[in-house]
Amino acid sequence: MPPKCCIAAMMLRRDPAPSPRSAPRAGPDRDVDCTSRDKDMPPCVSRLVAIDSPGRQDKPRIKYPTGREKMKVNMGISVQNSQDWERIANENWSVPPESPDWKSVEAALAIADLAEPLGYDGIWAPEHFGTPYGMCPNPLQTLTYFAGRTERVTFGTMVCVAPWWNPVRLAHQIAYLDIVSKGRYTTIGMGRGVAKSEFEALGVPREESRERFNETLDIIKLALTTERFSYDGEIFKIPEMSLRPQPFSADLSERVFGSAATPESLEILSRRGIVPLFVGNKPIEAAGEEVKQVNRFRAEEGFTPCQPKNVMFMYCSPDASDVARTDEWMWTANRDVTLHYKFADPSNFVGVKGYESYAARAGAATAILASAVTGDQPAERPKMPGYHPSNLLIGNPDQVIERIIAAQKACGFSELTLVPNFGTMPYEDAIKSVRLFAEEVLPVIHKLDASLSLELRGPDAVAA
């Protein structure tokens, strides 16, 4: 039986009174006067100049394909301490990591600090904790940090793992980030989570993840669209209440995107009208086929066609010998994924409701992974489950441009988020790559027609 939702009253919201704090509206559809900066502050932390407040938005800002969409490119935050996996595999807890985690965090934040001055469109953050992989335990906290350091860039989560959160707390934190960023949290990426260790550490049963995910989506929508709401679900029981503080943007509930790793999740999200977010774990052509499926489901539910947003891995260098080093970095990145999610052990997924497909595609043997982290590797390394090669934007600037164009044609995305460092890549190399991409690739991609092809729009699509 579906959960019963009781809405006490319709949304009652007014435009906030203009004030020095609420005046500047930095966002994707708002112009901000950035010509005046504090002289002693770098661009990434300079303050906004007060301009006349246009007030709250009355209409959703989600834009459906018009045939004139231009590509946006964001910077993804990736915090890795990949060299520490050997110590963990040996359970050598008496010895500290060779490099402390805080150095990895600081280096990743420094890369993201380059996004705004170099002309990138946004900054995105993931949610992971407990291992050296993707160490970002609260993406909303991370993005709030950058909201105070930037003026123009938008923000996204890739993803916020909904089952790990109390939905009322999550709704408040989403609203608060919307306020402090002046409406720049434009991609509320949500996912269901996979890693057994992360669920167990929080005391959340993994077999409840789908129900928790669906109920959390229900509650967030109620909280962001109604003045008073209550909720009576199988898992969450919420008495009548209000979301306070209310968000800055009236259309915040329309910005939710969903990451789905299984066909069942993809259909559930699509029929709810949620737009897909692809995070690099499947071939780009397969993602394109899923876009067709999504738009077919949406058509059946009365929704218009949508474009996904994609996360891809990038390393840009003019030197072919330098590019060749990425083979090692990507291999360790895929190893890290396999170890973090424990894909090598099917028992982590067998019999767990909602994760049957993971058990069917469990990857390399545990013995192979053990050799991978100890350095005792065979002459020819086995292929690890992880990021598909079609999601790798690796090469010189011309090659990276060609790969982005091909990927967009195959999948139809309108927005691309780059993961600029992965595996054992030194952060110094990532910074050089990010700068070269901004100089030679970004101007070309910003002019790219990123509209959704007729083929990907689903059944009954007609040319505009």
Protein backbone atom coordinates (compact mmCIF):
# COMPACT_ATOMS: atom_id res chain seq x y z
CA MET A 1 0.00 0.00 0.00
CA PRO A 2 1.45 3.40 -0.87
CA PRO A 3 2.18 5.73 2.04
CA LYS A 4 -0.55 8.18 3.04
CA CYS A 5 0.39 11.82 2.75
CA CYS A 6 -1.63 14.49 4.44
CA ILE A 7 -1.11 18.04 3.24
CA ALA A 8 -2.50 20.48 5.78
CA ALA A 9 -2.44 23.58 3.63
CA MET A 10 -1.31 24.78 0.26
CA MET A 11 1.99 26.48 -0.14
CA LEU A 12 2.04 29.98 1.35
CA ARG A 13 5.16 31.84 0.33
CA ARG A 14 5.98 35.46 -0.21
CA ASP A 15 8.87 37.25 -1.81
CA PRO A 16 11.40 38.10 0.88
CA ALA A 17 11.98 41.74 1.65
CA PRO A 18 15.07 43.05 -0.10
CA SER A 19 18.10 43.27 2.14
CA PRO A 20 21.85 43.57 1.68
CA ARG A 21 22.14 39.82 2.24
CA SER A 22 19.31 38.75 -0.07
CA ALA A 23 19.90 41.27 -2.82
CA PRO A 24 22.51 39.53 -5.01
CA ARG A 25 20.95 36.60 -6.84
CA ALA A 26 23.83 34.45 -8.02
CA GLY A 27 22.49 31.62 -10.12
CA PRO A 28 22.43 30.08 -13.56
CA ASP A 29 19.77 32.45 -14.85
CA ARG A 30 20.80 35.57 -12.95
CA ASP A 31 23.47 38.13 -13.82
CA VAL A 32 25.69 39.22 -10.95
CA ASP A 33 27.89 42.29 -10.90
CA CYS A 34 31.30 40.82 -10.24
CA THR A 35 33.33 43.79 -11.44
CA SER A 36 34.03 45.09 -7.95
CA ARG A 37 36.04 42.83 -5.65
CA ASP A 38 37.79 43.27 -2.36
CA LYS A 39 41.32 44.15 -3.40
CA ASP A 40 43.03 41.87 -0.94
CA MET A 41 40.88 38.81 -1.65
CA PRO A 42 41.42 36.25 -4.45
CA PRO A 43 38.56 35.76 -6.93
CA CYS A 44 37.42 32.52 -5.30
CA VAL A 45 36.61 34.27 -2.01
CA SER A 46 35.67 37.79 -3.12
CA ARG A 47 32.31 39.12 -1.97
CA LEU A 48 29.25 39.78 -4.06
CA VAL A 49 28.32 43.34 -4.93
CA ALA A 50 24.79 44.23 -3.87
CA ILE A 51 22.36 44.74 -6.74
CA ASP A 52 18.61 45.19 -6.84
CA SER A 53 16.83 42.04 -5.73
CA PRO A 54 14.54 40.47 -8.34
CA GLY A 55 12.77 38.51 -5.61
CA ARG A 56 11.89 34.83 -5.42
CA GLN A 57 11.47 32.76 -8.54
CA ASP A 58 7.91 31.95 -9.42
CA LYS A 59 8.54 29.31 -12.06
CA PRO A 60 10.67 26.17 -12.25
CA ARG A 61 14.06 26.64 -13.79
CA ILE A 62 14.36 23.17 -15.32
CA LYS A 63 14.74 23.65 -19.05
CA TYR A 64 13.57 21.00 -21.44
CA PRO A 65 15.22 20.56 -24.85
CA THR A 66 14.68 23.48 -27.19
CA GLY A 67 17.18 22.57 -29.89
CA ARG A 68 19.49 25.34 -28.68
CA GLU A 69 20.90 23.91 -25.47
CA LYS A 70 24.54 24.75 -24.78
CA MET A 71 26.83 22.50 -22.80
CA LYS A 72 27.70 23.24 -19.19
CA VAL A 73 30.84 21.78 -17.63
CA ASN A 74 31.28 21.35 -13.87
CA MET A 75 34.15 20.39 -11.60
CA GLY A 76 33.66 17.26 -9.51
CA ILE A 77 35.31 16.92 -6.10
CA SER A 78 37.21 13.67 -5.71
CA VAL A 79 39.00 12.93 -2.41
CA GLN A 80 41.14 9.81 -2.64
CA ASN A 81 43.91 8.35 -0.47
CA SER A 82 44.45 5.47 -2.83
CA GLN A 83 47.93 4.57 -1.54
CA ASP A 84 46.42 3.52 1.79
CA TRP A 85 44.59 0.44 0.53
CA GLU A 86 47.58 -1.87 1.10
CA ARG A 87 47.69 -0.93 4.80
CA ILE A 88 43.94 -1.53 5.06
CA ALA A 89 44.13 -4.88 3.27
CA ASN A 90 46.78 -5.99 5.77
CA GLU A 91 44.72 -4.58 8.68
CA ASN A 92 47.83 -2.80 9.89
CA TRP A 93 45.97 -0.41 12.18
CA SER A 94 48.98 0.30 14.39
CA VAL A 95 50.63 2.27 11.58
CA PRO A 96 49.09 5.56 10.38
CA PRO A 97 48.48 6.20 6.68
CA GLU A 98 51.59 7.21 4.76
CA SER A 99 49.80 10.42 3.85
CA PRO A 100 47.13 11.74 6.25
CA ASP A 101 43.59 12.07 4.91
CA TRP A 102 43.44 15.81 5.60
CA LYS A 103 46.07 16.38 2.94
CA SER A 104 43.88 14.60 0.38
CA VAL A 105 40.88 16.68 1.44
CA GLU A 106 42.81 19.94 1.20
CA ALA A 107 44.21 19.04 -2.23
CA ALA A 108 40.75 18.17 -3.61
CA LEU A 109 39.29 21.42 -2.26
CA ALA A 110 42.14 23.35 -3.86
CA ILE A 111 41.30 21.85 -7.26
CA ALA A 112 37.62 22.78 -6.84
CA ASP A 113 38.69 26.31 -5.92
CA LEU A 114 39.90 26.67 -9.51
CA ALA A 115 36.42 26.10 -10.97
CA GLU A 116 35.13 29.64 -10.81
CA PRO A 117 38.25 31.62 -11.84
CA LEU A 118 38.92 29.21 -14.74
CA GLY A 119 35.39 29.50 -16.14
CA TYR A 120 33.82 26.17 -15.18
CA ASP A 121 30.07 26.27 -14.60
CA GLY A 122 29.68 24.42 -11.30
CA ILE A 123 31.12 22.37 -8.44
CA TRP A 124 29.71 18.95 -7.55
CA ALA A 125 30.36 16.68 -4.55
CA PRO A 126 29.77 12.96 -3.82
CA GLU A 127 28.93 11.19 -0.54
CA HIS A 128 31.26 8.48 0.77
CA PHE A 129 33.00 7.72 4.06
CA GLY A 130 34.80 5.03 6.00
CA THR A 131 37.44 4.01 3.43
CA PRO A 132 40.10 5.87 1.39
CA TYR A 133 37.63 6.05 -1.51
CA GLY A 134 35.71 9.27 -2.21
CA MET A 135 36.08 10.71 1.28
CA CYS A 136 33.29 13.30 1.39
CA PRO A 137 30.93 12.35 4.24
CA ASN A 138 28.51 15.26 3.74
CA PRO A 139 28.30 16.77 0.23
CA LEU A 140 25.93 19.51 1.39
CA GLN A 141 28.46 20.65 3.97
CA THR A 142 31.18 20.70 1.31
CA LEU A 143 29.05 22.68 -1.12
CA THR A 144 28.06 25.14 1.60
CA TYR A 145 31.78 25.77 2.09
CA PHE A 146 32.08 26.64 -1.59
CA ALA A 147 28.91 28.72 -1.56
CA GLY A 148 30.78 31.13 0.71
CA ARG A 149 33.84 31.16 -1.53
CA THR A 150 32.17 31.74 -4.89
CA GLU A 151 29.78 34.09 -6.65
CA ARG A 152 28.77 32.48 -9.92
CA VAL A 153 29.16 28.70 -10.10
CA THR A 154 26.21 26.38 -9.48
CA PHE A 155 26.28 23.32 -7.24
CA GLY A 156 25.32 19.66 -7.53
CA THR A 157 25.50 16.40 -5.59
CA MET A 158 26.72 13.22 -7.28
CA VAL A 159 24.99 11.86 -5.27
CA CYS A 160 23.41 12.46 -1.88
CA VAL A 161 22.65 8.92 -0.63
CA ALA A 162 19.06 9.30 0.52
CA PRO A 163 18.71 6.12 2.67
CA TRP A 164 21.51 7.33 4.95
CA TRP A 165 19.61 10.48 5.92
CA ASN A 166 16.68 11.40 8.06
CA PRO A 167 14.51 12.97 5.34
CA VAL A 168 13.45 15.95 7.46
CA ARG A 169 17.08 16.78 8.21
CA LEU A 170 17.98 16.32 4.55
CA ALA A 171 15.19 18.62 3.38
CA HIS A 172 16.34 21.33 5.80
CA GLN A 173 19.95 21.06 4.69
CA ILE A 174 18.92 21.24 1.02
CA ALA A 175 16.90 24.36 1.77
CA TYR A 176 19.72 25.92 3.76
CA LEU A 177 22.26 25.38 0.97
CA ASP A 178 19.75 26.95 -1.41
CA ILE A 179 19.57 30.00 0.87
CA VAL A 180 23.28 30.54 1.46
CA SER A 181 24.08 29.99 -2.23
CA LYS A 182 21.27 32.31 -3.37
CA GLY A 183 19.60 29.60 -5.46
CA ARG A 184 22.73 28.05 -6.96
CA TYR A 185 22.05 24.44 -5.83
CA THR A 186 20.70 23.43 -9.22
CA THR A 187 21.26 19.66 -9.29
CA ILE A 188 20.00 17.76 -6.26
CA GLY A 189 21.46 14.41 -7.27
CA MET A 190 20.05 11.54 -5.19
CA GLY A 191 20.99 7.88 -5.07
CA ARG A 192 20.25 4.69 -3.17
CA GLY A 193 23.75 3.64 -2.09
CA VAL A 194 25.52 0.31 -2.46
CA ALA A 195 28.41 -0.30 -0.03
CA LYS A 196 27.60 -2.68 2.80
CA SER A 197 30.14 -1.05 5.11
CA GLU A 198 28.55 2.38 4.82
CA PHE A 199 25.04 1.10 5.52
CA GLU A 200 26.19 -0.98 8.50
CA ALA A 201 28.19 1.90 9.99
CA LEU A 202 25.01 4.00 10.07
CA GLY A 203 22.78 1.21 11.30
CA VAL A 204 20.62 1.39 8.17
CA PRO A 205 19.41 -1.97 6.77
CA ARG A 206 20.43 -2.18 3.12
CA GLU A 207 17.35 -4.22 2.26
CA GLU A 208 15.27 -1.14 3.16
CA SER A 209 17.21 1.16 0.84
CA ARG A 210 14.63 1.30 -1.95
CA GLU A 211 11.75 2.01 0.43
CA ARG A 212 13.81 4.60 2.28
CA PHE A 213 14.83 6.21 -1.00
CA ASN A 214 11.25 6.42 -2.29
CA GLU A 215 9.83 7.75 0.98
CA THR A 216 12.64 10.29 1.27
CA LEU A 217 11.81 11.59 -2.21
CA ASP A 218 8.14 11.89 -1.18
CA ILE A 219 9.00 13.80 1.99
CA ILE A 220 11.46 16.15 0.31
CA LYS A 221 8.89 17.06 -2.31
CA LEU A 222 6.27 17.75 0.35
CA ALA A 223 8.69 19.76 2.45
CA LEU A 224 9.82 21.91 -0.46
CA THR A 225 6.40 22.55 -1.98
CA THR A 226 3.94 22.93 0.92
CA GLU A 227 3.68 25.20 3.94
CA ARG A 228 2.45 22.42 6.25
CA PHE A 229 2.82 18.70 5.67
CA SER A 230 2.74 15.34 7.40
CA TYR A 231 3.75 11.86 6.26
CA ASP A 232 2.66 8.34 7.16
CA GLY A 233 4.94 5.82 5.48
CA GLU A 234 6.14 2.30 6.14
CA ILE A 235 9.43 3.62 7.55
CA PHE A 236 9.01 7.32 8.26
CA LYS A 237 6.21 8.83 10.36
CA ILE A 238 6.24 12.61 10.42
CA PRO A 239 3.73 14.70 12.36
CA GLU A 240 2.37 17.87 10.80
CA MET A 241 5.18 20.39 10.51
CA SER A 242 6.77 23.13 8.43
CA LEU A 243 10.14 23.36 6.78
CA ARG A 244 11.90 26.31 8.40
CA PRO A 245 13.77 28.13 7.17
CA GLN A 246 11.94 27.93 3.90
CA PRO A 247 14.17 27.74 0.82
CA PHE A 248 15.25 30.72 -1.24
CA SER A 249 13.98 29.17 -4.51
CA ALA A 250 10.35 28.27 -5.14
CA ASP A 251 11.29 25.62 -7.72
CA LEU A 252 13.75 23.63 -5.60
CA SER A 253 11.71 20.41 -5.76
CA GLU A 254 12.03 20.45 -9.56
CA ARG A 255 15.81 20.13 -9.38
CA VAL A 256 15.97 16.55 -8.10
CA PHE A 257 17.92 14.13 -10.31
CA GLY A 258 18.30 10.41 -9.68
CA SER A 259 21.14 7.94 -10.17
CA ALA A 260 19.93 4.40 -10.88
CA ALA A 261 22.18 1.37 -11.25
CA THR A 262 19.38 -1.17 -11.85
CA PRO A 263 16.56 -1.30 -14.42
CA GLU A 264 13.99 -1.40 -11.65
CA SER A 265 15.27 1.80 -10.06
CA LEU A 266 15.49 3.51 -13.44
CA GLU A 267 11.82 2.83 -14.19
CA ILE A 268 10.66 3.88 -10.72
CA LEU A 269 12.50 7.19 -10.96
CA SER A 270 11.42 7.84 -14.54
CA ARG A 271 7.74 7.32 -13.79
CA ARG A 272 8.07 9.79 -10.94
CA GLY A 273 9.34 12.37 -13.42
CA ILE A 274 12.89 12.39 -12.05
CA VAL A 275 15.65 13.05 -14.59
CA PRO A 276 18.57 10.56 -14.70
CA LEU A 277 22.09 11.28 -13.53
CA PHE A 278 24.78 8.97 -14.93
CA VAL A 279 27.92 8.60 -12.81
CA GLY A 280 30.27 6.71 -15.14
CA ASN A 281 29.56 3.12 -14.11
CA LYS A 282 28.08 1.96 -17.43
CA PRO A 283 29.00 2.27 -21.12
CA ILE A 284 27.96 5.61 -22.58
CA GLU A 285 26.01 3.80 -25.33
CA ALA A 286 24.09 1.86 -22.66
CA ALA A 287 23.34 5.14 -20.92
CA GLY A 288 21.98 6.41 -24.24
CA GLU A 289 19.65 3.42 -24.47
CA GLU A 290 18.49 4.18 -20.95
CA VAL A 291 17.70 7.76 -21.98
CA LYS A 292 15.36 6.31 -24.61
CA GLN A 293 13.74 4.10 -21.97
CA VAL A 294 13.43 6.99 -19.55
CA ASN A 295 11.69 9.16 -22.12
CA ARG A 296 9.38 6.30 -23.05
CA PHE A 297 8.38 5.91 -19.39
CA ARG A 298 7.98 9.67 -19.08
CA ALA A 299 5.74 9.80 -22.15
CA GLU A 300 3.53 7.10 -20.63
CA GLU A 301 3.20 9.20 -17.47
CA GLY A 302 2.55 12.45 -19.34
CA PHE A 303 5.99 14.03 -18.82
CA THR A 304 7.97 15.81 -21.52
CA PRO A 305 11.31 14.37 -22.76
CA CYS A 306 14.34 15.07 -20.58
CA GLN A 307 18.10 15.26 -20.90
CA PRO A 308 20.39 13.53 -18.41
CA LYS A 309 23.45 14.93 -16.70
CA ASN A 310 26.65 12.89 -16.83
CA VAL A 311 29.77 12.46 -14.70
CA MET A 312 32.95 11.53 -16.61
CA PHE A 313 36.64 11.18 -15.78
CA MET A 314 39.11 13.61 -17.36
CA TYR A 315 42.83 13.98 -17.85
CA CYS A 316 44.08 16.41 -20.47
CA SER A 317 47.72 16.70 -21.52
CA PRO A 318 49.51 17.55 -24.77
CA ASP A 319 52.14 14.87 -24.07
CA ALA A 320 51.31 11.32 -25.18
CA SER A 321 53.78 9.78 -22.73
CA ASP A 322 52.11 11.75 -19.96
CA VAL A 323 48.67 10.54 -21.04
CA ALA A 324 49.97 6.94 -20.94
CA ARG A 325 50.41 7.29 -17.17
CA THR A 326 46.63 7.34 -16.78
CA ASP A 327 46.52 3.57 -17.36
CA GLU A 328 48.02 3.08 -13.91
CA TRP A 329 45.82 5.74 -12.31
CA MET A 330 42.62 4.34 -13.79
CA TRP A 331 43.53 0.78 -12.85
CA THR A 332 44.00 1.85 -9.24
CA ALA A 333 40.75 3.83 -9.41
CA ASN A 334 38.84 0.73 -10.50
CA ARG A 335 40.63 -1.28 -7.82
CA ASP A 336 39.52 1.27 -5.23
CA VAL A 337 35.91 0.99 -6.42
CA THR A 338 36.06 -2.80 -6.21
CA LEU A 339 37.53 -2.76 -2.72
CA HIS A 340 35.22 -0.07 -1.35
CA TYR A 341 32.04 -1.75 -2.62
CA LYS A 342 33.43 -5.28 -2.09
CA PHE A 343 32.38 -6.33 -5.59
CA ALA A 344 34.78 -9.29 -5.37
CA ASP A 345 32.62 -11.02 -2.78
CA PRO A 346 29.15 -11.93 -4.12
CA SER A 347 28.00 -12.73 -0.57
CA ASN A 348 27.81 -8.96 0.01
CA PHE A 349 24.84 -8.86 -2.35
CA VAL A 350 23.29 -12.33 -2.51
CA GLY A 351 19.85 -12.34 -0.89
CA VAL A 352 19.86 -8.60 -0.20
CA LYS A 353 16.60 -7.11 -1.44
CA GLY A 354 17.18 -4.57 -4.17
CA TYR A 355 20.76 -5.64 -4.91
CA GLU A 356 20.24 -8.89 -6.76
CA SER A 357 21.80 -7.54 -9.95
CA TYR A 358 25.02 -6.75 -8.09
CA ALA A 359 25.33 -10.36 -6.99
CA ALA A 360 24.93 -11.49 -10.60
CA ARG A 361 27.76 -9.28 -11.86
CA ALA A 362 30.25 -9.64 -8.99
CA GLY A 363 33.73 -8.92 -10.29
CA ALA A 364 37.25 -10.20 -9.85
CA ALA A 365 38.22 -12.85 -7.31
CA THR A 366 39.28 -11.86 -3.81
CA ALA A 367 42.74 -13.34 -4.39
CA ILE A 368 43.28 -11.09 -7.40
CA LEU A 369 42.28 -8.05 -5.40
CA ALA A 370 44.62 -9.03 -2.58
CA SER A 371 47.52 -9.15 -5.03
CA ALA A 372 46.43 -5.79 -6.42
CA VAL A 373 46.77 -3.97 -3.13
CA THR A 374 49.98 -5.71 -2.01
CA GLY A 375 51.76 -4.98 -5.29
CA ASP A 376 52.27 -8.68 -6.14
CA GLN A 377 50.54 -8.30 -9.47
CA PRO A 378 50.47 -10.66 -12.45
CA ALA A 379 52.16 -9.66 -15.70
CA GLU A 380 48.78 -8.90 -17.26
CA ARG A 381 46.42 -7.20 -14.90
CA PRO A 382 42.84 -8.47 -14.73
CA LYS A 383 40.03 -6.14 -15.68
CA MET A 384 38.34 -4.68 -12.63
CA PRO A 385 34.70 -3.77 -12.38
CA GLY A 386 34.42 -0.01 -12.19
CA TYR A 387 34.39 2.93 -14.57
CA HIS A 388 33.71 2.07 -18.19
CA PRO A 389 36.33 3.26 -20.74
CA SER A 390 33.68 5.14 -22.71
CA ASN A 391 33.35 7.49 -19.73
CA LEU A 392 37.04 8.46 -19.81
CA LEU A 393 37.93 11.80 -21.35
CA ILE A 394 41.65 11.18 -21.58
CA GLY A 395 44.07 12.55 -24.16
CA ASN A 396 45.26 15.79 -25.68
CA PRO A 397 42.80 18.70 -25.99
CA ASP A 398 41.60 17.72 -29.46
CA GLN A 399 41.04 14.11 -28.41
CA VAL A 400 39.12 15.17 -25.30
CA ILE A 401 36.90 17.45 -27.40
CA GLU A 402 36.17 14.62 -29.83
CA ARG A 403 35.27 12.26 -27.00
CA ILE A 404 32.91 14.75 -25.39
CA ILE A 405 31.14 15.37 -28.70
CA ALA A 406 30.79 11.61 -29.32
CA ALA A 407 29.53 10.99 -25.78
CA GLN A 408 26.97 13.78 -25.99
CA LYS A 409 25.67 12.43 -29.27
CA ALA A 410 25.34 8.93 -27.80
CA CYS A 411 23.74 9.94 -24.51
CA GLY A 412 22.24 13.39 -25.07
CA PHE A 413 23.44 15.02 -21.85
CA SER A 414 23.19 18.79 -21.44
CA GLU A 415 25.58 19.08 -18.54
CA LEU A 416 28.88 17.34 -17.88
CA THR A 417 30.71 17.03 -14.57
CA LEU A 418 34.41 16.17 -14.71
CA VAL A 419 36.23 14.05 -12.15
CA PRO A 420 39.73 15.52 -12.56
CA ASN A 421 41.68 13.20 -10.27
CA PHE A 422 41.33 9.48 -9.71
CA GLY A 423 43.28 6.55 -8.31
CA THR A 424 46.90 7.37 -7.53
CA MET A 425 47.07 10.44 -9.78
CA PRO A 426 49.19 13.15 -8.11
CA TYR A 427 47.13 16.24 -7.38
CA GLU A 428 49.74 18.40 -9.11
CA ASP A 429 49.04 16.56 -12.37
CA ALA A 430 45.30 17.01 -11.87
CA ILE A 431 45.75 20.78 -11.50
CA LYS A 432 47.77 21.00 -14.73
CA SER A 433 45.09 19.01 -16.52
CA VAL A 434 42.27 21.18 -15.16
CA ARG A 435 44.05 24.34 -16.31
CA LEU A 436 44.75 22.99 -19.80
CA PHE A 437 41.14 21.84 -20.18
CA ALA A 438 39.91 25.29 -19.19
CA GLU A 439 42.25 26.97 -21.67
CA GLU A 440 41.78 24.80 -24.75
CA VAL A 441 38.72 22.56 -24.31
CA LEU A 442 36.20 24.53 -22.27
CA PRO A 443 35.73 27.39 -24.81
CA VAL A 444 34.91 24.84 -27.51
CA ILE A 445 32.55 22.76 -25.37
CA HIS A 446 30.70 25.84 -24.12
CA LYS A 447 29.72 26.53 -27.73
CA LEU A 448 28.67 22.92 -28.39
CA ASP A 449 25.04 22.34 -29.31
CA ALA A 450 24.00 19.99 -26.51
CA SER A 451 20.38 19.50 -27.50
CA LEU A 452 18.65 16.15 -27.26
CA SER A 453 18.46 14.25 -30.53
CA LEU A 454 15.11 13.17 -31.92
CA GLU A 455 16.18 9.53 -31.50
CA LEU A 456 16.68 9.95 -27.74
CA ARG A 457 13.43 11.81 -27.09
CA GLY A 458 11.38 8.65 -27.05
CA PRO A 459 8.19 7.63 -28.82
CA ASP A 460 6.07 10.13 -30.72
CA ALA A 461 8.85 12.75 -30.64
CA VAL A 462 8.66 15.24 -33.46
CA ALA A 463 11.19 17.69 -34.74
CA ALA A 464 10.85 21.21 -33.42
